[in-house]
């Protein structure tokens, strides 16, 4: 693998094994519940609740260290698995990357699920490159170029809605 582009959060642990580009997306973690759920509004409301999240994700780690009653946390292999578990009632909430849950809520889950509360644990996504990659500077220049000419904003708004002013 030379380059990986996905929702890869830049972390110190990951920086020990790969090089990252400059951040290209500011993100965080968000709660997703069924439309009729009026009980969950913030992270503390997830104590003792059945929660779906993704195996090996920063959201799983966050839940394990934040919730005292975390025995209801169920890690799923893929995001579609945890969304189907939410829709079927197998879990009461999903806690995962904000753009991913936001996209699901506005597409396949529209009218059935909703995001609630604030963003938790602000994160930045980066493009992962092989450790010691010669391409880091080129990738950073390309990112800067699409931000400068407006291409980044067009792509962002197509998939995630209005871009926050501070991006």
Protein backbone atom coordinates (compact mmCIF):
# COMPACT_ATOMS: atom_id res chain seq x y z
CA UNK A 1 0.00 0.00 0.00
CA UNK A 2 1.37 3.39 -1.00
CA UNK A 3 -1.63 5.63 -0.19
CA UNK A 4 -4.91 5.04 1.66
CA UNK A 5 -7.81 7.49 1.50
CA UNK A 6 -10.79 6.89 3.76
CA UNK A 7 -12.09 8.26 7.05
CA UNK A 8 -8.72 7.69 8.70
CA UNK A 9 -8.30 9.69 11.88
CA UNK A 10 -4.84 11.07 12.50
CA UNK A 11 -3.62 9.68 15.84
CA UNK A 12 -0.21 9.50 17.49
CA UNK A 13 -0.34 5.70 17.47
CA UNK A 14 -1.05 5.58 13.74
CA UNK A 15 1.66 8.16 13.02
CA UNK A 16 4.20 5.65 14.35
CA UNK A 17 3.49 3.29 11.43
CA UNK A 18 2.34 5.56 8.56
CA UNK A 19 2.91 9.10 7.34
CA UNK A 20 -0.12 11.39 7.12
CA UNK A 21 -0.95 14.23 4.80
CA UNK A 22 -2.09 17.54 6.19
CA UNK A 23 -5.60 17.13 7.62
CA UNK A 24 -8.29 17.29 4.96
CA UNK A 25 -11.41 17.00 7.12
CA UNK A 26 -12.33 18.11 10.63
CA UNK A 27 -14.58 15.55 12.25
CA UNK A 28 -15.62 14.07 15.55
CA UNK A 29 -17.89 11.40 16.94
CA UNK A 30 -21.67 11.64 16.99
CA UNK A 31 -24.67 9.80 18.41
CA UNK A 32 -27.32 8.35 16.10
CA UNK A 33 -30.68 7.10 17.44
CA UNK A 34 -34.02 6.02 16.01
CA UNK A 35 -36.31 8.93 15.13
CA UNK A 36 -38.69 8.23 18.03
CA UNK A 37 -35.96 8.16 20.70
CA UNK A 38 -36.34 11.20 22.97
CA UNK A 39 -34.22 9.85 25.83
CA UNK A 40 -30.73 10.10 24.34
CA UNK A 41 -29.37 13.62 23.89
CA UNK A 42 -25.74 13.39 25.03
CA UNK A 43 -22.98 10.91 25.88
CA UNK A 44 -24.04 10.49 29.53
CA UNK A 45 -27.44 9.23 28.31
CA UNK A 46 -25.64 6.21 26.83
CA UNK A 47 -24.74 4.75 30.26
CA UNK A 48 -26.14 1.22 30.40
CA UNK A 49 -27.71 1.50 26.92
CA UNK A 50 -27.12 -0.90 24.01
CA UNK A 51 -24.74 0.93 21.66
CA UNK A 52 -23.39 -0.13 18.29
CA UNK A 53 -20.00 1.05 17.08
CA UNK A 54 -17.27 -0.17 14.75
CA UNK A 55 -14.54 -2.65 15.71
CA UNK A 56 -11.13 -1.02 16.18
CA UNK A 57 -12.46 2.51 15.82
CA UNK A 58 -11.72 5.62 17.85
CA UNK A 59 -15.44 5.68 18.73
CA UNK A 60 -15.16 2.25 20.39
CA UNK A 61 -12.11 3.40 22.37
CA UNK A 62 -13.92 6.59 23.42
CA UNK A 63 -16.96 4.68 24.69
CA UNK A 64 -14.82 2.22 26.64
CA UNK A 65 -12.94 4.97 28.48
CA UNK A 66 -15.91 7.36 28.91
CA UNK A 67 -18.81 5.17 30.01
CA UNK A 68 -18.76 3.50 33.42
CA UNK A 69 -21.51 1.13 32.32
CA UNK A 70 -20.08 0.08 28.97
CA UNK A 71 -21.16 -3.57 28.90
CA UNK A 72 -23.85 -2.69 26.33
CA UNK A 73 -21.25 -1.54 23.78
CA UNK A 74 -21.31 -3.89 20.78
CA UNK A 75 -18.56 -3.56 18.16
CA UNK A 76 -19.62 -4.38 14.60
CA UNK A 77 -17.33 -5.27 11.67
CA UNK A 78 -18.87 -2.68 9.35
CA UNK A 79 -20.97 0.45 9.58
CA UNK A 80 -23.89 -1.08 7.67
CA UNK A 81 -24.09 -3.82 10.32
CA UNK A 82 -24.42 -1.33 13.17
CA UNK A 83 -26.96 0.79 11.26
CA UNK A 84 -29.11 -2.27 10.57
CA UNK A 85 -28.85 -3.21 14.27
CA UNK A 86 -30.13 0.27 15.17
CA UNK A 87 -32.99 0.12 12.68
CA UNK A 88 -34.04 -3.36 13.88
CA UNK A 89 -33.90 -2.39 17.56
CA UNK A 90 -30.96 -4.67 18.43
CA UNK A 91 -29.14 -1.56 19.71
CA UNK A 92 -30.58 1.71 21.01
CA UNK A 93 -27.92 4.01 19.60
CA UNK A 94 -24.91 4.12 17.30
CA UNK A 95 -21.80 6.10 18.17
CA UNK A 96 -19.41 6.63 15.30
CA UNK A 97 -17.72 9.15 13.00
CA UNK A 98 -19.92 12.21 12.47
CA UNK A 99 -19.76 12.35 8.66
CA UNK A 100 -20.63 8.67 8.41
CA UNK A 101 -23.66 8.83 10.72
CA UNK A 102 -24.75 12.16 9.19
CA UNK A 103 -24.64 10.70 5.70
CA UNK A 104 -26.64 7.63 6.76
CA UNK A 105 -29.23 9.82 8.54
CA UNK A 106 -29.73 11.90 5.38
CA UNK A 107 -29.87 8.97 2.94
CA UNK A 108 -30.96 5.40 3.77
CA UNK A 109 -31.98 6.30 7.32
CA UNK A 110 -33.89 9.46 6.43
CA UNK A 111 -37.05 9.76 8.54
CA UNK A 112 -36.07 6.67 10.56
CA UNK A 113 -32.99 7.85 12.47
CA UNK A 114 -31.53 11.15 13.67
CA UNK A 115 -28.24 12.48 14.96
CA UNK A 116 -28.34 14.02 18.42
CA UNK A 117 -26.04 16.02 20.66
CA UNK A 118 -22.74 17.63 19.90
CA UNK A 119 -19.56 16.36 18.30
CA UNK A 120 -17.31 14.49 20.69
CA UNK A 121 -13.55 14.19 20.57
CA UNK A 122 -12.67 16.50 17.70
CA UNK A 123 -10.61 14.61 15.13
CA UNK A 124 -8.93 15.25 11.85
CA UNK A 125 -8.84 12.91 8.89
CA UNK A 126 -5.68 12.54 6.84
CA UNK A 127 -4.50 10.58 3.86
CA UNK A 128 -2.27 7.74 5.06
CA UNK A 129 0.95 7.09 3.17
CA UNK A 130 3.59 4.43 3.53
CA UNK A 131 6.07 5.34 6.28
CA UNK A 132 8.84 7.46 4.72
CA UNK A 133 6.77 8.10 1.57
CA UNK A 134 8.17 10.44 -1.05
CA UNK A 135 4.61 11.53 -1.93
CA UNK A 136 3.68 13.46 1.24
CA UNK A 137 4.64 16.89 -0.13
CA UNK A 138 2.87 16.25 -3.45
CA UNK A 139 -0.31 15.12 -1.68
CA UNK A 140 -0.23 18.19 0.59
CA UNK A 141 0.23 20.48 -2.42
CA UNK A 142 -2.72 18.84 -4.19
CA UNK A 143 -4.92 19.25 -1.09
CA UNK A 144 -3.96 22.93 -0.79
CA UNK A 145 -4.69 23.45 -4.48
CA UNK A 146 -8.24 22.02 -4.38
CA UNK A 147 -9.02 24.03 -1.25
CA UNK A 148 -7.77 27.21 -2.92
CA UNK A 149 -9.65 26.79 -6.21
CA UNK A 150 -13.00 25.85 -4.60
CA UNK A 151 -13.04 22.18 -5.67
CA UNK A 152 -12.81 20.99 -2.05
CA UNK A 153 -15.84 23.07 -1.04
CA UNK A 154 -17.92 21.69 -3.94
CA UNK A 155 -17.05 18.10 -3.02
CA UNK A 156 -17.67 18.71 0.69
CA UNK A 157 -21.08 20.30 0.17
CA UNK A 158 -22.20 17.59 -2.26
CA UNK A 159 -21.73 14.87 0.38
CA UNK A 160 -22.00 16.55 3.79
CA UNK A 161 -24.10 19.69 3.34
CA UNK A 162 -22.99 23.26 4.08
CA UNK A 163 -19.34 23.56 5.01
CA UNK A 164 -18.59 25.05 8.46
CA UNK A 165 -17.11 28.54 8.12
CA UNK A 166 -13.91 27.66 10.01
CA UNK A 167 -12.79 24.98 7.51
